[in-house]
Amino acid sequence: MSYYIKNSLEELIPYLAMTDVPWGIRDLESVNVYVNAAGLRMLSLPKNYDIVGRVDQEAPADWSELAEEYVAQDGSVIRRKANVPVIETSQWYGNSHLSVFIGDKYPIFRGDTVVGTIWSSRPFQLLTPMNYFKNEKARFVSSLAPTDTFTPTELKVIFFLIQRHSAKEISKALDIAPRTIERHIYSIYQKAEVSSLHQFIEYALVIGLDCYIPEDFIVRGVNFI
């Protein structure tokens, strides 16, 4: 089966080998047939470990815990004979913090028969209507704060502030007393040298806090889109 898969992609594999985008190929049993260099960097596998011929569960990496979810994605692609994208969250590239990626997976055909799957991954990016209006590029969503100005609790409050939640709503979401939330908001405004929510949101947009998600709010896993 691996022969048929590689034969079907004979002209494509040289391109995959050169691109900086992570790509990989799997057979119908979810066995890895090919992973390009960019994919190996993303998966952060030991240099002496060959993933070809192995299933994800065997990989000596944290993301191997997601193996069953990737097998489910494989099965969905094979049944639908179409791309099945997912949101995949883990400590990619060997980072200590969680990162959110979009994982596309497509069927590989031999005639009308699906003989395997091919996947690619890219960082999840945020493009708001205002970004589009201003002709601005999409930005990466990250659990790594773009500044160390604020405390971990303040960063959680900021996450909700940017969504224009009230102090009462933030209090309920974080299970913190409303007056304590108000004190955090005051401290946040002081540090940002602003005096209103509107001004703070402008500040947050400039430094990239609008693309920040506190790691406590992120769950490692694979979610179908």
N, C-alpha and C. Protein backbone atom coordinates (compact mmCIF):
# COMPACT_ATOMS: atom_id res chain seq x y z
N MET A 1 0.82 -1.21 0.00
CA MET A 1 0.00 0.00 0.00
C MET A 1 0.86 1.26 0.00
N SER A 2 1.97 1.24 0.75
CA SER A 2 2.85 2.40 0.79
C SER A 2 3.37 2.73 -0.59
N TYR A 3 3.63 1.67 -1.40
CA TYR A 3 4.11 1.88 -2.76
C TYR A 3 3.08 2.65 -3.57
N TYR A 4 1.82 2.26 -3.48
CA TYR A 4 0.76 2.92 -4.23
C TYR A 4 0.62 4.38 -3.81
N ILE A 5 0.75 4.62 -2.51
CA ILE A 5 0.63 5.99 -2.02
C ILE A 5 1.76 6.86 -2.56
N LYS A 6 3.00 6.39 -2.41
CA LYS A 6 4.13 7.17 -2.90
C LYS A 6 4.09 7.34 -4.40
N ASN A 7 3.64 6.30 -5.10
CA ASN A 7 3.53 6.37 -6.55
C ASN A 7 2.51 7.42 -6.97
N SER A 8 1.41 7.53 -6.20
CA SER A 8 0.38 8.52 -6.51
C SER A 8 0.89 9.94 -6.32
N LEU A 9 1.89 10.11 -5.44
CA LEU A 9 2.39 11.44 -5.12
C LEU A 9 3.83 11.64 -5.58
N GLU A 10 4.24 10.86 -6.56
CA GLU A 10 5.64 10.87 -7.01
C GLU A 10 6.12 12.27 -7.37
N GLU A 11 5.28 13.04 -8.05
CA GLU A 11 5.68 14.38 -8.48
C GLU A 11 5.57 15.40 -7.36
N LEU A 12 4.75 15.11 -6.36
CA LEU A 12 4.52 16.07 -5.27
C LEU A 12 5.56 15.99 -4.17
N ILE A 13 6.07 14.80 -3.89
CA ILE A 13 6.98 14.61 -2.76
C ILE A 13 8.23 15.50 -2.82
N PRO A 14 8.87 15.70 -3.99
CA PRO A 14 10.02 16.62 -4.02
C PRO A 14 9.67 18.03 -3.55
N TYR A 15 8.45 18.48 -3.88
CA TYR A 15 8.01 19.80 -3.41
C TYR A 15 7.83 19.79 -1.89
N LEU A 16 7.20 18.74 -1.39
CA LEU A 16 6.98 18.65 0.05
C LEU A 16 8.30 18.65 0.81
N ALA A 17 9.31 18.04 0.22
CA ALA A 17 10.62 17.96 0.87
C ALA A 17 11.27 19.33 1.01
N MET A 18 10.94 20.25 0.12
CA MET A 18 11.58 21.57 0.13
C MET A 18 10.81 22.64 0.88
N THR A 19 9.50 22.46 1.04
CA THR A 19 8.68 23.51 1.65
C THR A 19 8.89 23.61 3.15
N ASP A 20 8.66 24.80 3.70
CA ASP A 20 8.75 25.02 5.14
C ASP A 20 7.45 24.70 5.86
N VAL A 21 6.44 24.29 5.11
CA VAL A 21 5.15 23.92 5.69
C VAL A 21 5.17 22.44 6.09
N PRO A 22 4.77 22.11 7.31
CA PRO A 22 4.74 20.69 7.71
C PRO A 22 3.75 19.88 6.86
N TRP A 23 4.24 18.76 6.30
CA TRP A 23 3.39 17.85 5.52
C TRP A 23 3.72 16.42 5.91
N GLY A 24 2.72 15.56 5.85
CA GLY A 24 2.95 14.15 6.11
C GLY A 24 1.96 13.28 5.36
N ILE A 25 2.32 12.02 5.16
CA ILE A 25 1.49 11.06 4.42
C ILE A 25 1.29 9.83 5.30
N ARG A 26 0.06 9.29 5.29
CA ARG A 26 -0.27 8.12 6.09
C ARG A 26 -1.05 7.12 5.25
N ASP A 27 -0.96 5.85 5.63
CA ASP A 27 -1.74 4.85 4.90
C ASP A 27 -3.10 4.67 5.57
N LEU A 28 -3.87 3.71 5.09
CA LEU A 28 -5.23 3.51 5.60
C LEU A 28 -5.26 3.02 7.04
N GLU A 29 -4.13 2.53 7.53
CA GLU A 29 -4.05 2.06 8.91
C GLU A 29 -3.44 3.11 9.83
N SER A 30 -3.33 4.34 9.33
CA SER A 30 -2.76 5.46 10.08
C SER A 30 -1.27 5.28 10.37
N VAL A 31 -0.61 4.47 9.56
CA VAL A 31 0.84 4.32 9.66
C VAL A 31 1.50 5.45 8.86
N ASN A 32 2.51 6.07 9.44
CA ASN A 32 3.19 7.17 8.76
C ASN A 32 4.06 6.65 7.63
N VAL A 33 3.81 7.16 6.44
CA VAL A 33 4.54 6.76 5.24
C VAL A 33 5.63 7.77 4.91
N TYR A 34 5.36 9.05 5.20
CA TYR A 34 6.32 10.11 4.88
C TYR A 34 6.02 11.34 5.73
N VAL A 35 7.05 11.99 6.24
CA VAL A 35 6.93 13.29 6.91
C VAL A 35 8.10 14.14 6.44
N ASN A 36 7.82 15.35 5.96
CA ASN A 36 8.91 16.19 5.48
C ASN A 36 9.69 16.80 6.65
N ALA A 37 10.79 17.49 6.33
CA ALA A 37 11.66 18.03 7.38
C ALA A 37 10.92 19.03 8.26
N ALA A 38 10.07 19.85 7.64
CA ALA A 38 9.30 20.84 8.42
C ALA A 38 8.35 20.13 9.38
N GLY A 39 7.77 19.03 8.94
CA GLY A 39 6.88 18.25 9.80
C GLY A 39 7.62 17.63 10.97
N LEU A 40 8.83 17.14 10.71
CA LEU A 40 9.63 16.54 11.78
C LEU A 40 10.01 17.58 12.82
N ARG A 41 10.28 18.82 12.37
CA ARG A 41 10.58 19.90 13.33
C ARG A 41 9.36 20.20 14.19
N MET A 42 8.21 20.26 13.56
CA MET A 42 6.98 20.53 14.31
C MET A 42 6.72 19.43 15.34
N LEU A 43 6.92 18.18 14.92
CA LEU A 43 6.65 17.04 15.80
C LEU A 43 7.72 16.87 16.87
N SER A 44 8.86 17.54 16.69
CA SER A 44 9.94 17.54 17.68
C SER A 44 10.34 16.13 18.10
N LEU A 45 10.69 15.33 17.10
CA LEU A 45 11.10 13.95 17.36
C LEU A 45 12.62 13.86 17.50
N PRO A 46 13.13 12.92 18.27
CA PRO A 46 14.58 12.74 18.37
C PRO A 46 15.19 12.48 17.00
N LYS A 47 16.41 12.96 16.79
CA LYS A 47 17.05 12.83 15.48
C LYS A 47 17.22 11.38 15.04
N ASN A 48 17.40 10.49 15.99
CA ASN A 48 17.61 9.08 15.64
C ASN A 48 16.31 8.29 15.56
N TYR A 49 15.17 8.98 15.65
CA TYR A 49 13.88 8.29 15.61
C TYR A 49 13.28 8.40 14.23
N ASP A 50 12.94 7.27 13.62
CA ASP A 50 12.33 7.25 12.29
C ASP A 50 10.84 6.96 12.44
N ILE A 51 10.02 7.94 12.12
CA ILE A 51 8.58 7.79 12.29
C ILE A 51 7.94 6.98 11.16
N VAL A 52 8.65 6.87 10.04
CA VAL A 52 8.11 6.12 8.90
C VAL A 52 7.93 4.65 9.28
N GLY A 53 6.76 4.12 8.96
CA GLY A 53 6.46 2.74 9.30
C GLY A 53 5.90 2.57 10.71
N ARG A 54 5.69 3.68 11.41
CA ARG A 54 5.18 3.62 12.77
C ARG A 54 3.86 4.39 12.89
N VAL A 55 3.10 4.07 13.91
CA VAL A 55 1.87 4.81 14.20
C VAL A 55 2.19 5.87 15.26
N ASP A 56 1.31 6.86 15.37
CA ASP A 56 1.57 7.99 16.27
C ASP A 56 1.74 7.58 17.72
N GLN A 57 1.02 6.54 18.16
CA GLN A 57 1.10 6.12 19.56
C GLN A 57 2.52 5.78 19.98
N GLU A 58 3.35 5.38 19.02
CA GLU A 58 4.72 4.96 19.33
C GLU A 58 5.67 6.14 19.48
N ALA A 59 5.28 7.31 19.02
CA ALA A 59 6.19 8.45 18.98
C ALA A 59 6.58 8.92 20.38
N PRO A 60 7.88 9.15 20.63
CA PRO A 60 8.33 9.63 21.94
C PRO A 60 8.17 11.14 22.06
N ALA A 61 6.91 11.59 22.06
CA ALA A 61 6.61 13.01 22.14
C ALA A 61 5.24 13.20 22.80
N ASP A 62 5.03 14.38 23.40
CA ASP A 62 3.78 14.64 24.11
C ASP A 62 2.55 14.51 23.21
N TRP A 63 2.69 14.93 21.95
CA TRP A 63 1.54 14.93 21.06
C TRP A 63 1.05 13.52 20.74
N SER A 64 1.83 12.49 21.07
CA SER A 64 1.38 11.12 20.81
C SER A 64 0.12 10.79 21.60
N GLU A 65 -0.16 11.58 22.65
CA GLU A 65 -1.39 11.41 23.42
C GLU A 65 -2.63 11.71 22.57
N LEU A 66 -2.42 12.41 21.46
CA LEU A 66 -3.53 12.77 20.58
C LEU A 66 -3.74 11.74 19.47
N ALA A 67 -3.01 10.64 19.53
CA ALA A 67 -3.02 9.65 18.45
C ALA A 67 -4.42 9.17 18.09
N GLU A 68 -5.23 8.84 19.07
CA GLU A 68 -6.57 8.32 18.80
C GLU A 68 -7.42 9.35 18.06
N GLU A 69 -7.22 10.62 18.40
CA GLU A 69 -7.99 11.68 17.74
C GLU A 69 -7.55 11.84 16.28
N TYR A 70 -6.25 11.66 16.02
CA TYR A 70 -5.78 11.72 14.64
C TYR A 70 -6.26 10.52 13.83
N VAL A 71 -6.35 9.37 14.47
CA VAL A 71 -6.90 8.18 13.80
C VAL A 71 -8.36 8.43 13.44
N ALA A 72 -9.09 9.09 14.33
CA ALA A 72 -10.49 9.43 14.04
C ALA A 72 -10.58 10.40 12.87
N GLN A 73 -9.63 11.34 12.79
CA GLN A 73 -9.59 12.26 11.65
C GLN A 73 -9.31 11.49 10.36
N ASP A 74 -8.36 10.55 10.41
CA ASP A 74 -8.07 9.71 9.25
C ASP A 74 -9.33 9.02 8.76
N GLY A 75 -10.04 8.39 9.70
CA GLY A 75 -11.25 7.65 9.35
C GLY A 75 -12.30 8.53 8.71
N SER A 76 -12.44 9.74 9.22
CA SER A 76 -13.42 10.68 8.67
C SER A 76 -13.05 11.09 7.25
N VAL A 77 -11.75 11.33 7.01
CA VAL A 77 -11.28 11.68 5.67
C VAL A 77 -11.56 10.55 4.69
N ILE A 78 -11.26 9.33 5.11
CA ILE A 78 -11.44 8.15 4.25
C ILE A 78 -12.91 7.93 3.92
N ARG A 79 -13.77 8.10 4.90
CA ARG A 79 -15.21 7.90 4.67
C ARG A 79 -15.81 8.99 3.79
N ARG A 80 -15.44 10.23 4.07
CA ARG A 80 -16.03 11.35 3.33
C ARG A 80 -15.38 11.58 1.97
N LYS A 81 -14.15 11.07 1.83
CA LYS A 81 -13.36 11.31 0.62
C LYS A 81 -13.19 12.81 0.39
N ALA A 82 -12.91 13.52 1.48
CA ALA A 82 -12.76 14.98 1.41
C ALA A 82 -11.89 15.45 2.57
N ASN A 83 -11.44 16.70 2.47
CA ASN A 83 -10.64 17.29 3.54
C ASN A 83 -11.44 17.39 4.83
N VAL A 84 -10.80 17.05 5.94
CA VAL A 84 -11.41 17.20 7.26
C VAL A 84 -10.43 17.99 8.12
N PRO A 85 -10.65 19.29 8.29
CA PRO A 85 -9.74 20.11 9.09
C PRO A 85 -10.02 19.98 10.58
N VAL A 86 -8.98 20.17 11.38
CA VAL A 86 -9.13 20.14 12.83
C VAL A 86 -8.30 21.27 13.45
N ILE A 87 -8.65 21.62 14.67
CA ILE A 87 -7.81 22.50 15.48
C ILE A 87 -7.00 21.59 16.39
N GLU A 88 -5.68 21.68 16.30
CA GLU A 88 -4.80 20.79 17.06
C GLU A 88 -3.93 21.62 18.02
N THR A 89 -4.05 21.29 19.29
CA THR A 89 -3.37 22.07 20.32
C THR A 89 -2.42 21.17 21.11
N SER A 90 -1.15 21.54 21.11
CA SER A 90 -0.15 20.79 21.87
C SER A 90 1.10 21.66 22.01
N GLN A 91 2.15 21.08 22.54
CA GLN A 91 3.42 21.81 22.69
C GLN A 91 4.28 21.54 21.46
N TRP A 92 3.85 22.11 20.34
CA TRP A 92 4.53 21.87 19.07
C TRP A 92 5.94 22.46 19.07
N TYR A 93 6.78 21.92 18.24
CA TYR A 93 8.17 22.34 18.10
C TYR A 93 8.96 22.20 19.40
N GLY A 94 8.48 21.38 20.31
CA GLY A 94 9.18 21.16 21.57
C GLY A 94 9.07 22.32 22.54
N ASN A 95 8.15 23.26 22.28
CA ASN A 95 7.98 24.41 23.16
C ASN A 95 7.36 23.99 24.49
N SER A 96 7.59 24.79 25.51
CA SER A 96 7.00 24.50 26.82
C SER A 96 5.56 24.99 26.91
N HIS A 97 5.17 25.92 26.01
CA HIS A 97 3.81 26.45 26.02
C HIS A 97 2.98 25.80 24.92
N LEU A 98 1.67 25.79 25.13
CA LEU A 98 0.76 25.22 24.14
C LEU A 98 0.60 26.16 22.95
N SER A 99 0.51 25.58 21.77
CA SER A 99 0.27 26.35 20.55
C SER A 99 -0.92 25.76 19.82
N VAL A 100 -1.66 26.63 19.15
CA VAL A 100 -2.86 26.20 18.43
C VAL A 100 -2.58 26.21 16.93
N PHE A 101 -2.82 25.07 16.28
CA PHE A 101 -2.59 24.93 14.85
C PHE A 101 -3.88 24.47 14.16
N ILE A 102 -3.95 24.72 12.86
CA ILE A 102 -5.01 24.16 12.03
C ILE A 102 -4.40 23.00 11.25
N GLY A 103 -5.00 21.83 11.37
CA GLY A 103 -4.50 20.65 10.66
C GLY A 103 -5.47 20.20 9.58
N ASP A 104 -5.05 20.34 8.33
CA ASP A 104 -5.86 19.86 7.21
C ASP A 104 -5.42 18.45 6.84
N LYS A 105 -6.37 17.62 6.45
CA LYS A 105 -6.04 16.26 6.01
C LYS A 105 -6.92 15.89 4.83
N TYR A 106 -6.26 15.42 3.75
CA TYR A 106 -6.95 15.13 2.50
C TYR A 106 -6.80 13.65 2.12
N PRO A 107 -7.75 13.13 1.37
CA PRO A 107 -7.62 11.75 0.89
C PRO A 107 -6.64 11.67 -0.28
N ILE A 108 -5.96 10.55 -0.39
CA ILE A 108 -5.11 10.25 -1.55
C ILE A 108 -5.82 9.17 -2.36
N PHE A 109 -6.01 9.43 -3.64
CA PHE A 109 -6.76 8.51 -4.49
C PHE A 109 -5.85 7.73 -5.43
N ARG A 110 -6.24 6.50 -5.69
CA ARG A 110 -5.71 5.70 -6.79
C ARG A 110 -6.93 5.28 -7.59
N GLY A 111 -7.16 6.04 -8.67
CA GLY A 111 -8.43 5.89 -9.37
C GLY A 111 -9.53 6.49 -8.52
N ASP A 112 -10.56 5.73 -8.24
CA ASP A 112 -11.65 6.19 -7.38
C ASP A 112 -11.50 5.71 -5.94
N THR A 113 -10.41 5.01 -5.68
CA THR A 113 -10.22 4.40 -4.36
C THR A 113 -9.27 5.23 -3.49
N VAL A 114 -9.65 5.45 -2.25
CA VAL A 114 -8.78 6.14 -1.30
C VAL A 114 -7.72 5.15 -0.80
N VAL A 115 -6.45 5.52 -0.96
CA VAL A 115 -5.36 4.63 -0.55
C VAL A 115 -4.57 5.17 0.64
N GLY A 116 -4.89 6.38 1.06
CA GLY A 116 -4.17 6.97 2.18
C GLY A 116 -4.62 8.40 2.42
N THR A 117 -3.91 9.09 3.30
CA THR A 117 -4.23 10.48 3.60
C THR A 117 -2.95 11.32 3.59
N ILE A 118 -3.11 12.61 3.33
CA ILE A 118 -1.98 13.54 3.36
C ILE A 118 -2.40 14.73 4.21
N TRP A 119 -1.52 15.14 5.13
CA TRP A 119 -1.87 16.22 6.06
C TRP A 119 -0.89 17.37 5.99
N SER A 120 -1.36 18.52 6.40
CA SER A 120 -0.49 19.69 6.57
C SER A 120 -0.98 20.46 7.79
N SER A 121 -0.10 21.23 8.40
CA SER A 121 -0.45 22.02 9.59
C SER A 121 0.07 23.43 9.45
N ARG A 122 -0.68 24.36 10.03
CA ARG A 122 -0.27 25.76 10.01
C ARG A 122 -0.76 26.43 11.30
N PRO A 123 -0.03 27.42 11.79
CA PRO A 123 -0.47 28.10 13.02
C PRO A 123 -1.84 28.74 12.83
N PHE A 124 -2.66 28.66 13.87
CA PHE A 124 -3.97 29.30 13.83
C PHE A 124 -3.78 30.81 13.86
N GLN A 125 -4.41 31.50 12.92
CA GLN A 125 -4.27 32.94 12.82
C GLN A 125 -5.60 33.64 13.00
N LEU A 126 -5.54 34.85 13.54
CA LEU A 126 -6.73 35.64 13.80
C LEU A 126 -6.81 36.78 12.80
N LEU A 127 -7.93 36.86 12.08
CA LEU A 127 -8.18 37.96 11.15
C LEU A 127 -9.55 38.53 11.47
N THR A 128 -9.56 39.67 12.13
CA THR A 128 -10.82 40.31 12.50
C THR A 128 -11.36 41.12 11.33
N PRO A 129 -12.65 41.48 11.35
CA PRO A 129 -13.20 42.34 10.30
C PRO A 129 -12.42 43.64 10.16
N MET A 130 -11.95 44.20 11.29
CA MET A 130 -11.19 45.45 11.23
C MET A 130 -9.83 45.22 10.58
N ASN A 131 -9.20 44.07 10.86
CA ASN A 131 -7.94 43.74 10.18
C ASN A 131 -8.14 43.71 8.68
N TYR A 132 -9.24 43.09 8.27
CA TYR A 132 -9.55 42.99 6.83
C TYR A 132 -9.78 44.37 6.25
N PHE A 133 -10.56 45.20 6.96
CA PHE A 133 -10.87 46.55 6.48
C PHE A 133 -9.60 47.38 6.32
N LYS A 134 -8.66 47.21 7.26
CA LYS A 134 -7.42 47.97 7.21
C LYS A 134 -6.35 47.31 6.35
N ASN A 135 -6.72 46.18 5.71
CA ASN A 135 -5.79 45.44 4.87
C ASN A 135 -4.56 44.98 5.66
N GLU A 136 -4.80 44.55 6.90
CA GLU A 136 -3.73 44.06 7.77
C GLU A 136 -3.62 42.55 7.69
N LYS A 137 -2.44 42.04 7.94
CA LYS A 137 -2.22 40.59 7.90
C LYS A 137 -2.84 39.93 9.13
N ALA A 138 -3.23 38.68 8.96
CA ALA A 138 -3.70 37.89 10.09
C ALA A 138 -2.54 37.65 11.05
N ARG A 139 -2.86 37.47 12.33
CA ARG A 139 -1.82 37.29 13.34
C ARG A 139 -1.99 35.95 14.06
N PHE A 140 -0.88 35.43 14.56
CA PHE A 140 -0.89 34.13 15.21
C PHE A 140 -1.54 34.20 16.59
N VAL A 141 -2.38 33.23 16.89
CA VAL A 141 -2.95 33.07 18.23
C VAL A 141 -1.95 32.31 19.08
N SER A 142 -1.70 32.78 20.30
CA SER A 142 -0.67 32.15 21.13
C SER A 142 -1.06 32.17 22.60
N SER A 143 -0.55 31.19 23.34
CA SER A 143 -0.72 31.16 24.79
C SER A 143 0.50 31.78 25.48
N LEU A 144 1.40 32.35 24.69
CA LEU A 144 2.59 33.02 25.21
C LEU A 144 2.32 34.52 25.21
N ALA A 145 2.25 35.12 26.39
CA ALA A 145 1.92 36.54 26.50
C ALA A 145 2.97 37.40 25.80
N PRO A 146 2.54 38.44 25.05
CA PRO A 146 3.49 39.29 24.33
C PRO A 146 4.20 40.29 25.23
N THR A 147 3.86 40.31 26.51
CA THR A 147 4.49 41.24 27.46
C THR A 147 4.50 40.61 28.85
N ASP A 148 5.47 41.03 29.66
CA ASP A 148 5.51 40.55 31.05
C ASP A 148 5.06 41.64 32.02
N THR A 149 4.35 42.62 31.49
CA THR A 149 3.88 43.74 32.30
C THR A 149 2.82 43.33 33.31
N PHE A 150 2.01 42.34 32.93
CA PHE A 150 0.86 41.97 33.75
C PHE A 150 1.05 40.62 34.45
N THR A 151 0.39 40.47 35.58
CA THR A 151 0.44 39.21 36.33
C THR A 151 -0.42 38.16 35.62
N PRO A 152 -0.23 36.88 35.94
CA PRO A 152 -1.07 35.83 35.33
C PRO A 152 -2.56 36.08 35.52
N THR A 153 -2.96 36.53 36.71
CA THR A 153 -4.39 36.79 36.94
C THR A 153 -4.86 37.98 36.11
N GLU A 154 -4.03 39.00 36.03
CA GLU A 154 -4.39 40.17 35.21
C GLU A 154 -4.55 39.79 33.74
N LEU A 155 -3.71 38.88 33.28
CA LEU A 155 -3.81 38.44 31.88
C LEU A 155 -5.12 37.72 31.63
N LYS A 156 -5.59 36.97 32.63
CA LYS A 156 -6.89 36.31 32.48
C LYS A 156 -8.02 37.34 32.43
N VAL A 157 -7.91 38.36 33.27
CA VAL A 157 -8.91 39.43 33.26
C VAL A 157 -8.88 40.16 31.91
N ILE A 158 -7.68 40.40 31.40
CA ILE A 158 -7.52 41.08 30.12
C ILE A 158 -8.20 40.30 29.00
N PHE A 159 -8.08 38.99 29.03
CA PHE A 159 -8.71 38.15 28.01
C PHE A 159 -10.19 38.47 27.90
N PHE A 160 -10.85 38.61 29.03
CA PHE A 160 -12.29 38.90 29.03
C PHE A 160 -12.57 40.38 28.78
N LEU A 161 -11.70 41.25 29.26
CA LEU A 161 -11.88 42.69 29.01
C LEU A 161 -11.91 42.99 27.52
N ILE A 162 -11.01 42.36 26.79
CA ILE A 162 -10.93 42.60 25.35
C ILE A 162 -12.21 42.17 24.65
N GLN A 163 -12.89 41.19 25.23
CA GLN A 163 -14.19 40.75 24.68
C GLN A 163 -15.33 41.63 25.21
N ARG A 164 -14.96 42.69 25.94
CA ARG A 164 -15.92 43.67 26.49
C ARG A 164 -16.86 43.07 27.53
N HIS A 165 -16.35 42.13 28.31
CA HIS A 165 -17.14 41.59 29.41
C HIS A 165 -17.09 42.56 30.59
N SER A 166 -18.17 42.62 31.33
CA SER A 166 -18.22 43.49 32.51
C SER A 166 -17.46 42.85 33.66
N ALA A 167 -17.18 43.67 34.69
CA ALA A 167 -16.49 43.15 35.87
C ALA A 167 -17.29 42.02 36.51
N LYS A 168 -18.61 42.16 36.51
CA LYS A 168 -19.47 41.12 37.09
C LYS A 168 -19.35 39.82 36.30
N GLU A 169 -19.33 39.92 34.97
CA GLU A 169 -19.21 38.72 34.12
C GLU A 169 -17.84 38.07 34.30
N ILE A 170 -16.80 38.90 34.40
CA ILE A 170 -15.45 38.36 34.60
C ILE A 170 -15.35 37.68 35.96
N SER A 171 -15.98 38.30 36.94
CA SER A 171 -16.01 37.72 38.29
C SER A 171 -16.60 36.32 38.27
N LYS A 172 -17.68 36.16 37.55
CA LYS A 172 -18.34 34.86 37.47
C LYS A 172 -17.48 33.85 36.71
N ALA A 173 -16.86 34.30 35.62
CA ALA A 173 -16.05 33.39 34.80
C ALA A 173 -14.81 32.91 35.55
N LEU A 174 -14.20 33.79 36.33
CA LEU A 174 -12.95 33.45 37.03
C LEU A 174 -13.17 33.04 38.48
N ASP A 175 -14.40 33.13 38.94
CA ASP A 175 -14.73 32.80 40.33
C ASP A 175 -13.90 33.64 41.30
N ILE A 176 -13.88 34.93 41.01
CA ILE A 176 -13.17 35.91 41.85
C ILE A 176 -14.18 37.01 42.22
N ALA A 177 -14.09 37.51 43.42
CA ALA A 177 -15.03 38.54 43.89
C ALA A 177 -15.03 39.75 42.96
N PRO A 178 -16.20 40.34 42.69
CA PRO A 178 -16.30 41.50 41.79
C PRO A 178 -15.37 42.65 42.18
N ARG A 179 -15.27 42.94 43.47
CA ARG A 179 -14.40 44.05 43.90
C ARG A 179 -12.93 43.75 43.60
N THR A 180 -12.56 42.48 43.72
CA THR A 180 -11.19 42.09 43.39
C THR A 180 -10.94 42.27 41.90
N ILE A 181 -11.92 41.91 41.08
CA ILE A 181 -11.81 42.11 39.63
C ILE A 181 -11.66 43.59 39.32
N GLU A 182 -12.43 44.43 39.99
CA GLU A 182 -12.34 45.88 39.76
C GLU A 182 -10.95 46.40 40.12
N ARG A 183 -10.37 45.87 41.19
CA ARG A 183 -9.00 46.28 41.56
C ARG A 183 -8.01 45.83 40.49
N HIS A 184 -8.21 44.63 39.95
CA HIS A 184 -7.33 44.15 38.87
C HIS A 184 -7.46 45.06 37.64
N ILE A 185 -8.67 45.43 37.31
CA ILE A 185 -8.88 46.30 36.15
C ILE A 185 -8.20 47.65 36.36
N TYR A 186 -8.31 48.19 37.57
CA TYR A 186 -7.64 49.46 37.88
C TYR A 186 -6.12 49.32 37.70
N SER A 187 -5.56 48.21 38.22
CA SER A 187 -4.13 47.97 38.09
C SER A 187 -3.72 47.82 36.63
N ILE A 188 -4.55 47.13 35.86
CA ILE A 188 -4.27 46.94 34.42
C ILE A 188 -4.23 48.28 33.71
N TYR A 189 -5.21 49.14 33.98
CA TYR A 189 -5.25 50.46 33.35
C TYR A 189 -4.04 51.30 33.74
N GLN A 190 -3.65 51.21 35.02
CA GLN A 190 -2.48 51.96 35.49
C GLN A 190 -1.22 51.52 34.75
N LYS A 191 -1.04 50.23 34.63
CA LYS A 191 0.16 49.71 33.96
C LYS A 191 0.18 50.06 32.48
N ALA A 192 -1.00 50.07 31.86
CA ALA A 192 -1.08 50.39 30.43
C ALA A 192 -1.14 51.90 30.19
N GLU A 193 -1.23 52.67 31.28
CA GLU A 193 -1.32 54.13 31.22
C GLU A 193 -2.52 54.58 30.39
N VAL A 194 -3.66 53.98 30.69
CA VAL A 194 -4.92 54.34 30.02
C VAL A 194 -5.97 54.58 31.10
N SER A 195 -7.10 55.15 30.69
CA SER A 195 -8.15 55.46 31.67
C SER A 195 -9.52 54.94 31.27
N SER A 196 -9.59 54.18 30.18
CA SER A 196 -10.89 53.65 29.75
C SER A 196 -10.71 52.33 29.03
N LEU A 197 -11.81 51.59 28.91
CA LEU A 197 -11.76 50.31 28.20
C LEU A 197 -11.40 50.52 26.74
N HIS A 198 -11.97 51.54 26.13
CA HIS A 198 -11.67 51.83 24.72
C HIS A 198 -10.16 52.04 24.52
N GLN A 199 -9.56 52.84 25.40
CA GLN A 199 -8.12 53.09 25.29
C GLN A 199 -7.32 51.81 25.53
N PHE A 200 -7.78 51.00 26.48
CA PHE A 200 -7.04 49.77 26.75
C PHE A 200 -7.11 48.81 25.57
N ILE A 201 -8.26 48.70 24.94
CA ILE A 201 -8.39 47.81 23.78
C ILE A 201 -7.45 48.27 22.67
N GLU A 202 -7.34 49.58 22.47
CA GLU A 202 -6.40 50.10 21.47
C GLU A 202 -4.97 49.70 21.84
N TYR A 203 -4.64 49.81 23.12
CA TYR A 203 -3.32 49.41 23.62
C TYR A 203 -3.09 47.92 23.38
N ALA A 204 -4.11 47.11 23.69
CA ALA A 204 -4.00 45.66 23.53
C ALA A 204 -3.78 45.27 22.08
N LEU A 205 -4.45 45.96 21.17
CA LEU A 205 -4.30 45.67 19.74
C LEU A 205 -2.88 45.95 19.27
N VAL A 206 -2.30 47.03 19.79
CA VAL A 206 -0.95 47.43 19.37
C VAL A 206 0.09 46.40 19.80
N ILE A 207 -0.02 45.89 21.03
CA ILE A 207 1.03 44.97 21.51
C ILE A 207 0.69 43.50 21.28
N GLY A 208 -0.51 43.21 20.76
CA GLY A 208 -0.85 41.83 20.42
C GLY A 208 -1.58 41.04 21.48
N LEU A 209 -2.11 41.71 22.49
CA LEU A 209 -2.84 40.99 23.53
C LEU A 209 -4.17 40.43 23.03
N ASP A 210 -4.67 40.97 21.92
CA ASP A 210 -5.93 40.47 21.37
C ASP A 210 -5.78 39.06 20.80
N CYS A 211 -4.54 38.64 20.55
CA CYS A 211 -4.28 37.29 20.02
C CYS A 211 -3.80 36.33 21.10
N TYR A 212 -3.82 36.79 22.33
CA TYR A 212 -3.32 35.98 23.44
C TYR A 212 -4.46 35.24 24.13
N ILE A 213 -4.24 33.94 24.39
CA ILE A 213 -5.19 33.13 25.16
C ILE A 213 -4.43 32.55 26.35
N PRO A 214 -4.85 32.84 27.58
CA PRO A 214 -4.17 32.26 28.74
C PRO A 214 -4.11 30.73 28.64
N GLU A 215 -2.97 30.17 28.96
CA GLU A 215 -2.79 28.73 28.78
C GLU A 215 -3.78 27.91 29.61
N ASP A 216 -4.24 28.47 30.73
CA ASP A 216 -5.23 27.76 31.55
C ASP A 216 -6.55 27.59 30.82
N PHE A 217 -6.77 28.41 29.79
CA PHE A 217 -8.02 28.34 29.03
C PHE A 217 -7.91 27.42 27.82
N ILE A 218 -6.71 26.89 27.59
CA ILE A 218 -6.47 26.05 26.42
C ILE A 218 -6.34 24.59 26.86
N VAL A 219 -6.95 23.72 26.11
CA VAL A 219 -6.89 22.29 26.42
C VAL A 219 -6.17 21.56 25.29
N ARG A 220 -5.15 20.76 25.66
CA ARG A 220 -4.46 19.97 24.64
C ARG A 220 -5.45 19.00 24.02
N GLY A 221 -5.44 18.94 22.69
CA GLY A 221 -6.35 18.02 22.04
C GLY A 221 -6.59 18.36 20.59
N VAL A 222 -7.46 17.58 19.97
CA VAL A 222 -7.83 17.77 18.56
C VAL A 222 -9.34 18.00 18.51
N ASN A 223 -9.72 19.11 17.90
CA ASN A 223 -11.14 19.44 17.77
C ASN A 223 -11.52 19.58 16.31
N PHE A 224 -12.54 18.85 15.90
CA PHE A 224 -13.00 18.93 14.52
C PHE A 224 -13.67 20.27 14.27
N ILE A 225 -13.40 20.85 13.12
CA ILE A 225 -13.98 22.14 12.75
C ILE A 225 -15.30 21.90 12.01
